[in-house]
Amino acid sequence: RDYARRLAFEADLCVIKGDYEGLLKAFRSMASIYKSLEHEPFLISQLVNFAITGIMCDHIDWIFSHCELPEDVLLKLNDIITEIIKQQKKIKKMKLFYYEKKLVEKKLVLYKNI
């Protein structure tokens, strides 16, 4: 999470300097961190992923409020963010299926005990 914050601040500095490739590189790096943790079974890993998403969103808001990015940079940034959103939806669907399955199993056990 700390490294994602550093990358976000680096992205902010790149915007101030007009280094849009550096901006995209920083966001791609944050997305890579996110992807590396997405299938970890530990709760702390998932919490870090949510924090990384929040960090990215906060800094995108800051960037948008302080400068106007070229269209090609906006499109590339949109691709990075869209990929993360897709991954989050897949993970939520998998978790929902898992919990529904567990609930059905518990109901079957309760039913057998009656």
N, C-alpha and C. Protein backbone atom coordinates (compact mmCIF):
# COMPACT_ATOMS: atom_id res chain seq x y z
N ARG A 1 0.83 -1.19 0.00
CA ARG A 1 0.00 0.00 0.00
C ARG A 1 0.88 1.25 0.00
N ASP A 2 1.95 1.22 0.77
CA ASP A 2 2.84 2.38 0.80
C ASP A 2 3.50 2.61 -0.56
N TYR A 3 3.87 1.52 -1.21
CA TYR A 3 4.49 1.66 -2.52
C TYR A 3 3.49 2.23 -3.53
N ALA A 4 2.23 1.83 -3.42
CA ALA A 4 1.18 2.38 -4.30
C ALA A 4 1.04 3.88 -4.06
N ARG A 5 1.13 4.29 -2.81
CA ARG A 5 1.07 5.73 -2.50
C ARG A 5 2.24 6.48 -3.13
N ARG A 6 3.42 5.90 -3.03
CA ARG A 6 4.60 6.53 -3.65
C ARG A 6 4.43 6.65 -5.16
N LEU A 7 3.91 5.60 -5.76
CA LEU A 7 3.67 5.63 -7.21
C LEU A 7 2.63 6.69 -7.56
N ALA A 8 1.61 6.83 -6.72
CA ALA A 8 0.57 7.84 -6.97
C ALA A 8 1.16 9.25 -6.89
N PHE A 9 2.00 9.48 -5.91
CA PHE A 9 2.64 10.80 -5.81
C PHE A 9 3.60 11.03 -6.97
N GLU A 10 4.26 9.97 -7.40
CA GLU A 10 5.12 10.07 -8.58
C GLU A 10 4.28 10.44 -9.81
N ALA A 11 3.10 9.86 -9.92
CA ALA A 11 2.19 10.19 -11.03
C ALA A 11 1.80 11.66 -10.96
N ASP A 12 1.52 12.15 -9.75
CA ASP A 12 1.19 13.57 -9.59
C ASP A 12 2.33 14.46 -10.06
N LEU A 13 3.55 14.11 -9.67
CA LEU A 13 4.71 14.90 -10.10
C LEU A 13 4.90 14.86 -11.61
N CYS A 14 4.66 13.69 -12.18
CA CYS A 14 4.78 13.56 -13.64
C CYS A 14 3.78 14.46 -14.35
N VAL A 15 2.58 14.56 -13.80
CA VAL A 15 1.57 15.45 -14.40
C VAL A 15 2.04 16.89 -14.33
N ILE A 16 2.56 17.28 -13.20
CA ILE A 16 3.04 18.66 -13.03
C ILE A 16 4.16 18.97 -14.03
N LYS A 17 5.04 17.99 -14.24
CA LYS A 17 6.15 18.17 -15.18
C LYS A 17 5.72 18.02 -16.64
N GLY A 18 4.53 17.45 -16.87
CA GLY A 18 4.08 17.20 -18.23
C GLY A 18 4.60 15.89 -18.79
N ASP A 19 5.10 15.01 -17.92
CA ASP A 19 5.63 13.71 -18.33
C ASP A 19 4.49 12.68 -18.28
N TYR A 20 3.73 12.59 -19.37
CA TYR A 20 2.56 11.73 -19.38
C TYR A 20 2.91 10.25 -19.45
N GLU A 21 4.05 9.93 -20.04
CA GLU A 21 4.48 8.53 -20.06
C GLU A 21 4.82 8.07 -18.63
N GLY A 22 5.44 8.95 -17.86
CA GLY A 22 5.72 8.63 -16.46
C GLY A 22 4.44 8.44 -15.65
N LEU A 23 3.44 9.26 -15.95
CA LEU A 23 2.13 9.13 -15.31
C LEU A 23 1.53 7.76 -15.60
N LEU A 24 1.51 7.37 -16.87
CA LEU A 24 0.95 6.08 -17.25
C LEU A 24 1.76 4.92 -16.67
N LYS A 25 3.07 5.07 -16.63
CA LYS A 25 3.92 4.03 -16.05
C LYS A 25 3.60 3.83 -14.57
N ALA A 26 3.40 4.92 -13.85
CA ALA A 26 3.07 4.82 -12.42
C ALA A 26 1.73 4.12 -12.22
N PHE A 27 0.73 4.47 -13.02
CA PHE A 27 -0.57 3.82 -12.89
C PHE A 27 -0.53 2.36 -13.34
N ARG A 28 0.26 2.06 -14.35
CA ARG A 28 0.41 0.66 -14.77
C ARG A 28 1.08 -0.16 -13.66
N SER A 29 2.03 0.45 -12.97
CA SER A 29 2.69 -0.23 -11.87
C SER A 29 1.72 -0.50 -10.72
N MET A 30 0.87 0.48 -10.42
CA MET A 30 -0.15 0.27 -9.38
C MET A 30 -1.11 -0.85 -9.79
N ALA A 31 -1.47 -0.87 -11.06
CA ALA A 31 -2.36 -1.92 -11.56
C ALA A 31 -1.69 -3.30 -11.47
N SER A 32 -0.38 -3.35 -11.71
CA SER A 32 0.35 -4.61 -11.59
C SER A 32 0.38 -5.11 -10.15
N ILE A 33 0.55 -4.19 -9.22
CA ILE A 33 0.50 -4.57 -7.80
C ILE A 33 -0.88 -5.13 -7.48
N TYR A 34 -1.91 -4.44 -7.96
CA TYR A 34 -3.28 -4.89 -7.73
C TYR A 34 -3.48 -6.30 -8.28
N LYS A 35 -3.05 -6.53 -9.52
CA LYS A 35 -3.24 -7.84 -10.15
C LYS A 35 -2.47 -8.94 -9.44
N SER A 36 -1.30 -8.60 -8.90
CA SER A 36 -0.50 -9.62 -8.22
C SER A 36 -1.14 -10.08 -6.91
N LEU A 37 -2.00 -9.26 -6.34
CA LEU A 37 -2.63 -9.61 -5.07
C LEU A 37 -4.06 -10.11 -5.20
N GLU A 38 -4.65 -10.03 -6.38
CA GLU A 38 -6.09 -10.26 -6.51
C GLU A 38 -6.54 -11.67 -6.15
N HIS A 39 -5.70 -12.68 -6.30
CA HIS A 39 -6.12 -14.05 -6.00
C HIS A 39 -5.50 -14.58 -4.70
N GLU A 40 -4.91 -13.70 -3.94
CA GLU A 40 -4.35 -14.12 -2.66
C GLU A 40 -5.49 -14.51 -1.71
N PRO A 41 -5.33 -15.58 -0.96
CA PRO A 41 -6.42 -16.03 -0.09
C PRO A 41 -6.54 -15.27 1.23
N PHE A 42 -5.59 -14.40 1.51
CA PHE A 42 -5.58 -13.71 2.79
C PHE A 42 -6.39 -12.42 2.74
N LEU A 43 -7.11 -12.16 3.80
CA LEU A 43 -7.94 -10.97 3.88
C LEU A 43 -7.13 -9.69 3.74
N ILE A 44 -5.95 -9.67 4.34
CA ILE A 44 -5.12 -8.45 4.29
C ILE A 44 -4.76 -8.11 2.85
N SER A 45 -4.55 -9.11 2.02
CA SER A 45 -4.23 -8.86 0.60
C SER A 45 -5.40 -8.20 -0.11
N GLN A 46 -6.61 -8.64 0.21
CA GLN A 46 -7.79 -8.04 -0.41
C GLN A 46 -7.99 -6.61 0.10
N LEU A 47 -7.70 -6.38 1.36
CA LEU A 47 -7.80 -5.02 1.90
C LEU A 47 -6.79 -4.09 1.23
N VAL A 48 -5.60 -4.59 1.00
CA VAL A 48 -4.59 -3.79 0.30
C VAL A 48 -5.07 -3.48 -1.12
N ASN A 49 -5.70 -4.45 -1.77
CA ASN A 49 -6.23 -4.21 -3.11
C ASN A 49 -7.28 -3.10 -3.11
N PHE A 50 -8.18 -3.13 -2.14
CA PHE A 50 -9.18 -2.07 -2.04
C PHE A 50 -8.51 -0.71 -1.79
N ALA A 51 -7.46 -0.73 -0.96
CA ALA A 51 -6.73 0.52 -0.69
C ALA A 51 -6.06 1.04 -1.95
N ILE A 52 -5.48 0.15 -2.73
CA ILE A 52 -4.82 0.57 -3.98
C ILE A 52 -5.84 1.19 -4.93
N THR A 53 -7.01 0.59 -5.01
CA THR A 53 -8.07 1.15 -5.87
C THR A 53 -8.44 2.55 -5.39
N GLY A 54 -8.57 2.71 -4.08
CA GLY A 54 -8.89 4.03 -3.52
C GLY A 54 -7.81 5.06 -3.79
N ILE A 55 -6.56 4.64 -3.65
CA ILE A 55 -5.43 5.53 -3.90
C ILE A 55 -5.45 5.99 -5.37
N MET A 56 -5.68 5.04 -6.26
CA MET A 56 -5.72 5.38 -7.69
C MET A 56 -6.86 6.38 -7.97
N CYS A 57 -8.02 6.11 -7.43
CA CYS A 57 -9.16 6.99 -7.67
C CYS A 57 -8.93 8.39 -7.10
N ASP A 58 -8.38 8.46 -5.89
CA ASP A 58 -8.09 9.76 -5.28
C ASP A 58 -7.13 10.58 -6.14
N HIS A 59 -6.10 9.93 -6.63
CA HIS A 59 -5.10 10.67 -7.40
C HIS A 59 -5.58 11.00 -8.80
N ILE A 60 -6.44 10.17 -9.35
CA ILE A 60 -7.03 10.53 -10.63
C ILE A 60 -7.91 11.76 -10.46
N ASP A 61 -8.67 11.81 -9.37
CA ASP A 61 -9.47 13.01 -9.08
C ASP A 61 -8.58 14.24 -8.97
N TRP A 62 -7.45 14.10 -8.27
CA TRP A 62 -6.53 15.23 -8.09
C TRP A 62 -6.00 15.68 -9.45
N ILE A 63 -5.59 14.71 -10.26
CA ILE A 63 -5.04 15.02 -11.57
C ILE A 63 -6.07 15.75 -12.44
N PHE A 64 -7.29 15.23 -12.45
CA PHE A 64 -8.34 15.85 -13.26
C PHE A 64 -8.67 17.26 -12.80
N SER A 65 -8.55 17.51 -11.51
CA SER A 65 -8.89 18.85 -11.00
C SER A 65 -7.75 19.85 -11.18
N HIS A 66 -6.54 19.37 -11.51
CA HIS A 66 -5.41 20.28 -11.62
C HIS A 66 -4.86 20.47 -13.03
N CYS A 67 -5.26 19.64 -13.96
CA CYS A 67 -4.76 19.83 -15.32
C CYS A 67 -5.67 19.13 -16.31
N GLU A 68 -5.45 19.43 -17.55
CA GLU A 68 -6.20 18.79 -18.62
C GLU A 68 -5.24 17.89 -19.38
N LEU A 69 -5.55 16.60 -19.40
CA LEU A 69 -4.68 15.63 -20.05
C LEU A 69 -5.03 15.51 -21.53
N PRO A 70 -4.04 15.19 -22.35
CA PRO A 70 -4.32 14.94 -23.77
C PRO A 70 -5.24 13.72 -23.93
N GLU A 71 -5.95 13.69 -25.01
CA GLU A 71 -6.94 12.63 -25.23
C GLU A 71 -6.32 11.24 -25.25
N ASP A 72 -5.16 11.09 -25.88
CA ASP A 72 -4.54 9.76 -25.94
C ASP A 72 -4.14 9.26 -24.55
N VAL A 73 -3.71 10.16 -23.68
CA VAL A 73 -3.35 9.80 -22.31
C VAL A 73 -4.61 9.40 -21.54
N LEU A 74 -5.69 10.15 -21.75
CA LEU A 74 -6.96 9.82 -21.09
C LEU A 74 -7.44 8.43 -21.50
N LEU A 75 -7.31 8.10 -22.77
CA LEU A 75 -7.75 6.79 -23.24
C LEU A 75 -6.92 5.66 -22.63
N LYS A 76 -5.62 5.87 -22.56
CA LYS A 76 -4.75 4.85 -21.96
C LYS A 76 -5.02 4.70 -20.46
N LEU A 77 -5.25 5.81 -19.78
CA LEU A 77 -5.58 5.78 -18.36
C LEU A 77 -6.92 5.08 -18.14
N ASN A 78 -7.85 5.33 -19.02
CA ASN A 78 -9.15 4.66 -18.95
C ASN A 78 -9.01 3.15 -19.11
N ASP A 79 -8.13 2.71 -20.00
CA ASP A 79 -7.91 1.27 -20.19
C ASP A 79 -7.38 0.62 -18.91
N ILE A 80 -6.45 1.30 -18.25
CA ILE A 80 -5.88 0.77 -17.01
C ILE A 80 -6.97 0.63 -15.94
N ILE A 81 -7.76 1.66 -15.78
CA ILE A 81 -8.80 1.66 -14.75
C ILE A 81 -9.90 0.64 -15.08
N THR A 82 -10.28 0.56 -16.34
CA THR A 82 -11.31 -0.39 -16.76
C THR A 82 -10.90 -1.82 -16.48
N GLU A 83 -9.64 -2.13 -16.69
CA GLU A 83 -9.15 -3.49 -16.42
C GLU A 83 -9.27 -3.83 -14.94
N ILE A 84 -8.96 -2.88 -14.08
CA ILE A 84 -9.07 -3.13 -12.64
C ILE A 84 -10.53 -3.31 -12.24
N ILE A 85 -11.41 -2.52 -12.79
CA ILE A 85 -12.83 -2.64 -12.47
C ILE A 85 -13.35 -4.02 -12.92
N LYS A 86 -12.94 -4.48 -14.09
CA LYS A 86 -13.35 -5.80 -14.57
C LYS A 86 -12.88 -6.89 -13.61
N GLN A 87 -11.64 -6.77 -13.14
CA GLN A 87 -11.11 -7.76 -12.21
C GLN A 87 -11.89 -7.77 -10.90
N GLN A 88 -12.25 -6.58 -10.41
CA GLN A 88 -13.02 -6.50 -9.18
C GLN A 88 -14.38 -7.18 -9.34
N LYS A 89 -15.03 -6.98 -10.47
CA LYS A 89 -16.33 -7.60 -10.71
C LYS A 89 -16.21 -9.12 -10.75
N LYS A 90 -15.15 -9.64 -11.39
CA LYS A 90 -14.95 -11.09 -11.44
C LYS A 90 -14.75 -11.66 -10.04
N ILE A 91 -13.95 -10.97 -9.24
CA ILE A 91 -13.68 -11.45 -7.88
C ILE A 91 -14.96 -11.44 -7.06
N LYS A 92 -15.76 -10.39 -7.17
CA LYS A 92 -17.02 -10.32 -6.42
C LYS A 92 -17.95 -11.44 -6.83
N LYS A 93 -18.03 -11.75 -8.12
CA LYS A 93 -18.90 -12.83 -8.58
C LYS A 93 -18.42 -14.17 -8.02
N MET A 94 -17.10 -14.40 -8.03
CA MET A 94 -16.56 -15.65 -7.50
C MET A 94 -16.86 -15.78 -6.01
N LYS A 95 -16.69 -14.70 -5.26
CA LYS A 95 -16.95 -14.73 -3.83
C LYS A 95 -18.43 -14.94 -3.55
N LEU A 96 -19.28 -14.30 -4.32
CA LEU A 96 -20.72 -14.46 -4.15
C LEU A 96 -21.12 -15.91 -4.40
N PHE A 97 -20.60 -16.52 -5.45
CA PHE A 97 -20.89 -17.92 -5.74
C PHE A 97 -20.42 -18.81 -4.59
N TYR A 98 -19.24 -18.54 -4.07
CA TYR A 98 -18.69 -19.33 -2.96
C TYR A 98 -19.60 -19.24 -1.74
N TYR A 99 -20.03 -18.03 -1.38
CA TYR A 99 -20.89 -17.86 -0.20
C TYR A 99 -22.27 -18.46 -0.42
N GLU A 100 -22.80 -18.38 -1.62
CA GLU A 100 -24.10 -19.01 -1.91
C GLU A 100 -23.98 -20.53 -1.77
N LYS A 101 -22.89 -21.08 -2.25
CA LYS A 101 -22.66 -22.52 -2.14
C LYS A 101 -22.57 -22.94 -0.68
N LYS A 102 -21.85 -22.18 0.12
CA LYS A 102 -21.72 -22.48 1.56
C LYS A 102 -23.08 -22.40 2.25
N LEU A 103 -23.88 -21.42 1.89
CA LEU A 103 -25.20 -21.26 2.48
C LEU A 103 -26.09 -22.46 2.15
N VAL A 104 -26.04 -22.91 0.92
CA VAL A 104 -26.83 -24.08 0.51
C VAL A 104 -26.37 -25.32 1.28
N GLU A 105 -25.06 -25.47 1.42
CA GLU A 105 -24.54 -26.62 2.17
C GLU A 105 -25.01 -26.59 3.62
N LYS A 106 -25.01 -25.43 4.25
CA LYS A 106 -25.47 -25.31 5.64
C LYS A 106 -26.95 -25.62 5.75
N LYS A 107 -27.73 -25.16 4.79
CA LYS A 107 -29.17 -25.46 4.80
C LYS A 107 -29.41 -26.95 4.67
N LEU A 108 -28.62 -27.63 3.82
CA LEU A 108 -28.77 -29.07 3.66
C LEU A 108 -28.44 -29.80 4.96
N VAL A 109 -27.41 -29.37 5.64
CA VAL A 109 -27.04 -29.99 6.92
C VAL A 109 -28.14 -29.76 7.93
N LEU A 110 -28.68 -28.57 8.01
CA LEU A 110 -29.78 -28.28 8.95
C LEU A 110 -31.01 -29.12 8.62
N TYR A 111 -31.31 -29.25 7.34
CA TYR A 111 -32.46 -30.00 6.90
C TYR A 111 -32.32 -31.48 7.28
N LYS A 112 -31.11 -32.04 7.11
CA LYS A 112 -30.86 -33.44 7.45
C LYS A 112 -30.98 -33.68 8.94
N ASN A 113 -30.67 -32.68 9.75
CA ASN A 113 -30.72 -32.82 11.20
C ASN A 113 -32.15 -32.73 11.76
N ILE A 114 -33.10 -32.33 10.94
CA ILE A 114 -34.49 -32.19 11.42
C ILE A 114 -35.18 -33.51 11.48
